[in-house]
Protein backbone atom coordinates (compact mmCIF):
# COMPACT_ATOMS: atom_id res chain seq x y z
CA MET A 1 -11.10 -14.35 -73.30
CA THR A 2 -13.00 -15.56 -70.25
CA ALA A 3 -14.44 -13.04 -67.81
CA ILE A 4 -13.88 -13.80 -64.16
CA THR A 5 -16.28 -12.40 -61.60
CA LEU A 6 -14.99 -12.06 -58.10
CA GLU A 7 -17.51 -11.93 -55.32
CA MET A 8 -16.52 -10.13 -52.16
CA PRO A 9 -17.13 -12.20 -49.06
CA LYS A 10 -19.96 -10.88 -46.90
CA VAL A 11 -18.59 -9.75 -43.59
CA ALA A 12 -20.94 -9.36 -40.67
CA LEU A 13 -20.11 -6.08 -38.98
CA THR A 14 -20.29 -5.86 -35.23
CA PHE A 15 -21.38 -2.74 -33.39
CA PRO A 16 -18.27 -1.26 -31.71
CA MET A 17 -19.99 -1.11 -28.31
CA THR A 18 -16.85 -0.97 -26.18
CA GLU A 19 -15.29 1.84 -28.19
CA VAL A 20 -18.51 3.87 -28.31
CA GLU A 21 -19.17 3.47 -24.59
CA THR A 22 -15.56 4.33 -23.73
CA VAL A 23 -15.72 7.60 -25.66
CA LEU A 24 -19.17 8.53 -24.35
CA ARG A 25 -18.26 7.69 -20.75
CA ARG A 26 -15.00 9.67 -20.93
CA GLU A 27 -16.72 12.74 -22.37
CA LEU A 28 -19.71 12.55 -20.02
CA LEU A 29 -17.47 12.15 -16.97
CA ALA A 30 -15.41 15.18 -18.02
CA SER A 31 -18.61 17.17 -18.46
CA VAL A 32 -19.92 16.17 -15.02
CA GLU A 33 -16.60 16.94 -13.35
CA PHE A 34 -16.53 20.38 -14.98
CA GLU A 35 -20.15 21.11 -14.02
CA ALA A 36 -19.57 19.95 -10.45
CA SER A 37 -16.53 22.21 -10.12
CA ILE A 38 -18.56 25.20 -11.30
CA ARG A 39 -21.38 24.44 -8.86
CA GLY A 40 -19.07 23.69 -5.96
CA VAL A 41 -20.28 20.09 -5.75
CA SER A 42 -17.74 17.69 -4.30
CA ILE A 43 -16.71 15.04 -6.78
CA PRO A 44 -16.43 11.39 -5.70
CA LYS A 45 -13.02 9.74 -5.94
CA THR A 46 -13.74 6.95 -8.42
CA PRO A 47 -15.10 7.19 -11.99
CA ALA A 48 -17.84 4.69 -11.06
CA GLU A 49 -19.02 6.97 -8.25
CA VAL A 50 -18.87 10.02 -10.52
CA ALA A 51 -20.96 8.14 -13.11
CA ARG A 52 -23.70 7.66 -10.50
CA LEU A 53 -23.44 11.21 -9.14
CA ALA A 54 -26.82 12.96 -9.37
CA ILE A 55 -26.02 16.08 -11.34
CA ASP A 56 -27.86 17.49 -14.32
CA ILE A 57 -26.27 16.98 -17.72
CA ASP A 58 -27.76 19.40 -20.23
CA SER A 59 -29.09 17.88 -23.45
CA LEU A 60 -27.12 20.37 -25.57
CA VAL A 61 -23.91 19.24 -23.87
CA VAL A 62 -24.79 15.63 -24.68
CA VAL A 63 -25.49 16.53 -28.32
CA ASP A 64 -21.98 18.02 -28.47
CA ILE A 65 -20.59 14.85 -26.89
CA LEU A 66 -22.15 12.77 -29.68
CA CYS A 67 -19.67 14.43 -32.05
CA ALA A 68 -16.83 12.68 -30.20
CA VAL A 69 -18.40 9.30 -31.02
CA GLU A 70 -18.90 9.93 -34.73
CA PRO A 71 -15.30 9.10 -35.76
CA VAL A 72 -15.71 5.65 -34.18
CA LEU A 73 -18.90 5.04 -36.16
CA ASP A 74 -17.87 6.80 -39.36
CA PHE A 75 -21.21 8.65 -39.68
CA GLU A 76 -23.03 11.54 -38.06
CA LEU A 77 -25.50 10.93 -35.28
CA ARG A 78 -28.80 12.76 -35.16
CA GLU A 79 -29.61 15.06 -32.27
CA GLY A 80 -32.87 13.20 -31.68
CA LEU A 81 -30.95 10.44 -29.91
CA VAL A 82 -30.61 12.74 -26.91
CA ARG A 83 -33.53 13.12 -24.53
CA ALA A 84 -34.87 16.66 -24.35
CA GLY A 85 -34.14 18.05 -20.92
CA GLY A 86 -30.95 16.05 -20.50
CA TYR A 87 -30.01 13.49 -17.88
CA ARG A 88 -29.46 13.22 -14.12
CA SER A 89 -26.26 11.16 -14.25
CA VAL A 90 -23.68 9.65 -16.57
CA GLU A 91 -25.24 6.22 -16.09
CA SER A 92 -28.72 7.44 -17.04
CA ALA A 93 -27.32 9.14 -20.14
CA LEU A 94 -25.45 6.01 -21.21
CA GLY A 95 -28.48 3.82 -20.54
CA HIS A 96 -30.62 5.97 -22.81
CA ILE A 97 -28.16 6.87 -25.58
CA MET A 98 -26.30 3.59 -26.18
CA PRO A 99 -29.33 1.63 -27.49
CA GLY A 100 -30.19 4.49 -29.84
CA ILE A 101 -26.66 4.67 -31.20
CA GLU A 102 -26.65 0.93 -31.72
CA ARG A 103 -29.96 1.11 -33.63
CA GLU A 104 -28.56 3.88 -35.85
CA TRP A 105 -25.41 1.88 -36.48
CA THR A 106 -27.40 -1.24 -37.36
CA LYS A 107 -29.54 0.73 -39.83
CA ARG A 108 -26.45 2.07 -41.56
CA LYS A 109 -23.80 -0.61 -41.26
CA GLY A 110 -25.02 -3.66 -39.44
CA ALA A 111 -25.62 -7.04 -40.92
CA LYS A 112 -29.21 -7.53 -41.97
CA PRO A 113 -30.87 -10.76 -40.87
């Protein structure tokens, strides 16, 4: 009897940037809208304007938001990805967090050079 060895093809995984950013942006925008309503701050009409709105986003809120991204990635994110002290806008949060999430993903799932 001859043994046959099957080799699984190597598939280069691609970071799901669009999906991750969509979830983060949705959750961050909801957080900002809620915070603005509590503080009596008027909210701009478009999501792009809300994303640039200067309003504090607490780091603990952002850590909670990371949990919404974990199902997309299929692993838990560490709290250290979030800047202590939080962020001043959705755009600043995304600009800081996205590269860190991508690095974590690459360490765990990405194709190695």
